[in-house]
Amino acid sequence: MNMKVFTYYMPVKVFFGEGELEKIGSLTRELGSKALLVTGKKSMKKLGVTDKVIKLLRENSVDVTLYGRPKHTFHKLPLQELKGNL
């Protein structure tokens, strides 16, 4: 079997430590005006992180779409459900 040759490039910045979450709105805004926030079952919501992230994004004029508790694996993500929001 011949595999198609390709290059995969994904630059990553990791911000870690106390108070770093507060930067998410301004850092995201530098990248664009829309964000898709994918969460798991409930722990981030229960801890208040989901609501805080949404608030920080909106305060920085980032339109955020929440996709919570995914029922699908990422390779089967039903993009038609998100159409128009991204």
N, C-alpha and C. Protein backbone atom coordinates (compact mmCIF):
# COMPACT_ATOMS: atom_id res chain seq x y z
N MET A 1 0.85 -1.17 0.00
CA MET A 1 0.00 0.00 0.00
C MET A 1 0.89 1.24 0.00
N ASN A 2 0.61 2.16 -0.89
CA ASN A 2 1.37 3.41 -0.97
C ASN A 2 0.65 4.49 -0.18
N MET A 3 1.37 5.08 0.74
CA MET A 3 0.79 6.16 1.52
C MET A 3 1.07 7.49 0.84
N LYS A 4 0.05 8.33 0.80
CA LYS A 4 0.21 9.65 0.22
C LYS A 4 1.14 10.47 1.11
N VAL A 5 2.06 11.18 0.50
CA VAL A 5 3.02 12.01 1.22
C VAL A 5 2.34 13.33 1.58
N PHE A 6 2.52 13.77 2.81
CA PHE A 6 1.96 15.05 3.22
C PHE A 6 2.78 15.64 4.36
N THR A 7 2.57 16.91 4.60
CA THR A 7 3.20 17.60 5.71
C THR A 7 2.12 18.10 6.65
N TYR A 8 2.26 17.84 7.92
CA TYR A 8 1.31 18.28 8.93
C TYR A 8 2.02 19.25 9.85
N TYR A 9 1.50 20.47 9.92
CA TYR A 9 2.13 21.50 10.75
C TYR A 9 1.07 22.06 11.69
N MET A 10 1.32 21.99 13.00
CA MET A 10 0.38 22.50 13.97
C MET A 10 1.14 23.21 15.09
N PRO A 11 1.31 24.52 14.92
CA PRO A 11 2.00 25.26 15.97
C PRO A 11 1.14 25.31 17.24
N VAL A 12 1.77 25.18 18.37
CA VAL A 12 1.04 25.13 19.63
C VAL A 12 1.70 26.04 20.65
N LYS A 13 0.88 26.79 21.36
CA LYS A 13 1.33 27.55 22.53
C LYS A 13 0.56 27.00 23.72
N VAL A 14 1.25 26.73 24.78
CA VAL A 14 0.61 26.26 26.00
C VAL A 14 0.83 27.30 27.08
N PHE A 15 -0.27 27.79 27.65
CA PHE A 15 -0.21 28.75 28.74
C PHE A 15 -0.63 28.01 30.00
N PHE A 16 0.24 28.00 30.98
CA PHE A 16 0.01 27.20 32.16
C PHE A 16 0.29 28.03 33.40
N GLY A 17 -0.57 27.93 34.37
CA GLY A 17 -0.32 28.60 35.64
C GLY A 17 -1.51 29.44 36.08
N GLU A 18 -1.39 29.92 37.30
CA GLU A 18 -2.45 30.72 37.90
C GLU A 18 -2.70 32.00 37.09
N GLY A 19 -3.95 32.25 36.77
CA GLY A 19 -4.34 33.47 36.06
C GLY A 19 -4.24 33.39 34.55
N GLU A 20 -3.72 32.33 34.01
CA GLU A 20 -3.54 32.23 32.56
C GLU A 20 -4.87 32.12 31.80
N LEU A 21 -5.89 31.54 32.43
CA LEU A 21 -7.18 31.42 31.77
C LEU A 21 -7.75 32.79 31.41
N GLU A 22 -7.43 33.78 32.21
CA GLU A 22 -7.93 35.14 31.98
C GLU A 22 -7.50 35.71 30.63
N LYS A 23 -6.45 35.17 30.04
CA LYS A 23 -5.92 35.66 28.76
C LYS A 23 -6.64 35.07 27.55
N ILE A 24 -7.51 34.08 27.77
CA ILE A 24 -8.07 33.33 26.64
C ILE A 24 -8.83 34.21 25.66
N GLY A 25 -9.54 35.21 26.16
CA GLY A 25 -10.31 36.07 25.27
C GLY A 25 -9.45 36.89 24.33
N SER A 26 -8.46 37.57 24.87
CA SER A 26 -7.60 38.41 24.04
C SER A 26 -6.71 37.58 23.12
N LEU A 27 -6.23 36.46 23.61
CA LEU A 27 -5.39 35.60 22.76
C LEU A 27 -6.19 35.00 21.61
N THR A 28 -7.42 34.60 21.90
CA THR A 28 -8.27 34.03 20.85
C THR A 28 -8.64 35.10 19.84
N ARG A 29 -8.92 36.29 20.30
CA ARG A 29 -9.31 37.38 19.39
C ARG A 29 -8.21 37.68 18.38
N GLU A 30 -6.97 37.50 18.77
CA GLU A 30 -5.85 37.70 17.84
C GLU A 30 -5.92 36.73 16.67
N LEU A 31 -6.58 35.59 16.87
CA LEU A 31 -6.67 34.57 15.83
C LEU A 31 -7.92 34.69 14.96
N GLY A 32 -8.93 35.40 15.45
CA GLY A 32 -10.16 35.55 14.69
C GLY A 32 -11.32 35.97 15.56
N SER A 33 -12.51 35.95 14.98
CA SER A 33 -13.69 36.43 15.70
C SER A 33 -14.69 35.34 16.02
N LYS A 34 -14.36 34.09 15.71
CA LYS A 34 -15.27 32.98 16.00
C LYS A 34 -14.50 31.84 16.64
N ALA A 35 -15.18 31.14 17.57
CA ALA A 35 -14.55 30.01 18.24
C ALA A 35 -15.55 28.89 18.44
N LEU A 36 -15.08 27.67 18.34
CA LEU A 36 -15.88 26.49 18.65
C LEU A 36 -15.31 25.90 19.93
N LEU A 37 -16.12 25.86 20.97
CA LEU A 37 -15.70 25.32 22.26
C LEU A 37 -16.31 23.93 22.42
N VAL A 38 -15.47 22.92 22.40
CA VAL A 38 -15.92 21.53 22.52
C VAL A 38 -15.62 21.06 23.94
N THR A 39 -16.67 20.59 24.62
CA THR A 39 -16.50 20.14 25.99
C THR A 39 -16.87 18.68 26.13
N GLY A 40 -16.56 18.13 27.26
CA GLY A 40 -16.91 16.74 27.54
C GLY A 40 -18.26 16.64 28.20
N LYS A 41 -18.40 15.70 29.08
CA LYS A 41 -19.71 15.43 29.69
C LYS A 41 -20.19 16.57 30.58
N LYS A 42 -19.49 16.83 31.69
CA LYS A 42 -20.00 17.87 32.57
C LYS A 42 -19.00 18.48 33.54
N SER A 43 -17.82 17.95 33.67
CA SER A 43 -16.92 18.43 34.72
C SER A 43 -16.52 19.89 34.55
N MET A 44 -16.24 20.33 33.34
CA MET A 44 -15.84 21.73 33.14
C MET A 44 -17.01 22.68 33.41
N LYS A 45 -18.21 22.26 33.04
CA LYS A 45 -19.41 23.05 33.32
C LYS A 45 -19.63 23.12 34.83
N LYS A 46 -19.51 21.97 35.49
CA LYS A 46 -19.73 21.89 36.93
C LYS A 46 -18.75 22.77 37.70
N LEU A 47 -17.51 22.85 37.21
CA LEU A 47 -16.48 23.66 37.86
C LEU A 47 -16.58 25.15 37.50
N GLY A 48 -17.47 25.48 36.55
CA GLY A 48 -17.63 26.86 36.15
C GLY A 48 -16.68 27.33 35.06
N VAL A 49 -15.85 26.43 34.58
CA VAL A 49 -14.85 26.79 33.57
C VAL A 49 -15.51 27.13 32.23
N THR A 50 -16.49 26.34 31.83
CA THR A 50 -17.15 26.57 30.54
C THR A 50 -17.77 27.97 30.50
N ASP A 51 -18.53 28.32 31.52
CA ASP A 51 -19.18 29.64 31.55
C ASP A 51 -18.16 30.76 31.60
N LYS A 52 -17.07 30.56 32.33
CA LYS A 52 -16.03 31.58 32.42
C LYS A 52 -15.35 31.78 31.06
N VAL A 53 -15.04 30.70 30.36
CA VAL A 53 -14.40 30.81 29.05
C VAL A 53 -15.33 31.52 28.07
N ILE A 54 -16.60 31.14 28.06
CA ILE A 54 -17.57 31.80 27.17
C ILE A 54 -17.63 33.29 27.47
N LYS A 55 -17.70 33.65 28.73
CA LYS A 55 -17.74 35.06 29.14
C LYS A 55 -16.50 35.80 28.66
N LEU A 56 -15.32 35.22 28.88
CA LEU A 56 -14.07 35.88 28.48
C LEU A 56 -13.98 36.03 26.96
N LEU A 57 -14.44 35.05 26.22
CA LEU A 57 -14.42 35.14 24.77
C LEU A 57 -15.37 36.24 24.30
N ARG A 58 -16.57 36.26 24.81
CA ARG A 58 -17.57 37.26 24.41
C ARG A 58 -17.13 38.67 24.78
N GLU A 59 -16.48 38.84 25.92
CA GLU A 59 -15.97 40.15 26.32
C GLU A 59 -14.93 40.68 25.34
N ASN A 60 -14.33 39.78 24.57
CA ASN A 60 -13.31 40.16 23.58
C ASN A 60 -13.85 40.04 22.15
N SER A 61 -15.18 40.13 22.02
CA SER A 61 -15.86 40.12 20.72
C SER A 61 -15.59 38.86 19.91
N VAL A 62 -15.49 37.75 20.61
CA VAL A 62 -15.35 36.45 19.94
C VAL A 62 -16.69 35.73 20.05
N ASP A 63 -17.29 35.42 18.89
CA ASP A 63 -18.55 34.70 18.84
C ASP A 63 -18.24 33.23 19.10
N VAL A 64 -18.79 32.69 20.17
CA VAL A 64 -18.45 31.32 20.56
C VAL A 64 -19.66 30.41 20.40
N THR A 65 -19.41 29.24 19.81
CA THR A 65 -20.42 28.20 19.68
C THR A 65 -19.99 27.06 20.59
N LEU A 66 -20.88 26.66 21.48
CA LEU A 66 -20.60 25.58 22.42
C LEU A 66 -21.11 24.26 21.84
N TYR A 67 -20.24 23.28 21.80
CA TYR A 67 -20.61 21.94 21.39
C TYR A 67 -20.30 21.04 22.57
N GLY A 68 -21.28 20.84 23.43
CA GLY A 68 -21.06 20.10 24.65
C GLY A 68 -21.47 18.65 24.57
N ARG A 69 -20.83 17.88 25.38
CA ARG A 69 -21.07 16.44 25.49
C ARG A 69 -21.17 15.77 24.13
N PRO A 70 -20.06 15.73 23.42
CA PRO A 70 -20.09 15.12 22.08
C PRO A 70 -20.57 13.68 22.11
N LYS A 71 -21.43 13.35 21.17
CA LYS A 71 -21.93 11.99 21.03
C LYS A 71 -21.13 11.25 19.96
N HIS A 72 -20.27 11.96 19.28
CA HIS A 72 -19.56 11.41 18.15
C HIS A 72 -18.05 11.51 18.38
N THR A 73 -17.31 10.68 17.72
CA THR A 73 -15.87 10.86 17.73
C THR A 73 -15.56 12.02 16.79
N PHE A 74 -14.40 12.62 16.93
CA PHE A 74 -14.08 13.80 16.13
C PHE A 74 -14.10 13.53 14.63
N HIS A 75 -13.70 12.34 14.21
CA HIS A 75 -13.70 12.07 12.78
C HIS A 75 -15.12 11.88 12.24
N LYS A 76 -16.10 11.79 13.13
CA LYS A 76 -17.50 11.66 12.71
C LYS A 76 -18.33 12.86 13.16
N LEU A 77 -17.67 13.96 13.51
CA LEU A 77 -18.35 15.16 13.97
C LEU A 77 -19.33 15.64 12.91
N PRO A 78 -20.61 15.75 13.23
CA PRO A 78 -21.62 16.14 12.24
C PRO A 78 -21.54 17.64 11.93
N LEU A 79 -20.73 18.00 10.98
CA LEU A 79 -20.50 19.40 10.65
C LEU A 79 -21.76 20.11 10.21
N GLN A 80 -22.72 19.38 9.67
CA GLN A 80 -23.95 20.02 9.25
C GLN A 80 -24.68 20.65 10.44
N GLU A 81 -24.48 20.11 11.65
CA GLU A 81 -25.08 20.70 12.84
C GLU A 81 -24.45 22.05 13.17
N LEU A 82 -23.21 22.24 12.77
CA LEU A 82 -22.49 23.47 13.09
C LEU A 82 -22.52 24.48 11.96
N LYS A 83 -22.98 24.09 10.81
CA LYS A 83 -22.99 24.96 9.63
C LYS A 83 -23.69 26.27 9.96
N GLY A 84 -23.06 27.35 9.56
CA GLY A 84 -23.62 28.66 9.82
C GLY A 84 -23.13 29.27 11.11
N ASN A 85 -22.56 28.46 12.00
CA ASN A 85 -22.06 28.98 13.27
C ASN A 85 -20.56 29.24 13.24
N LEU A 86 -19.88 28.70 12.24
CA LEU A 86 -18.43 28.86 12.17
C LEU A 86 -18.06 29.80 11.07
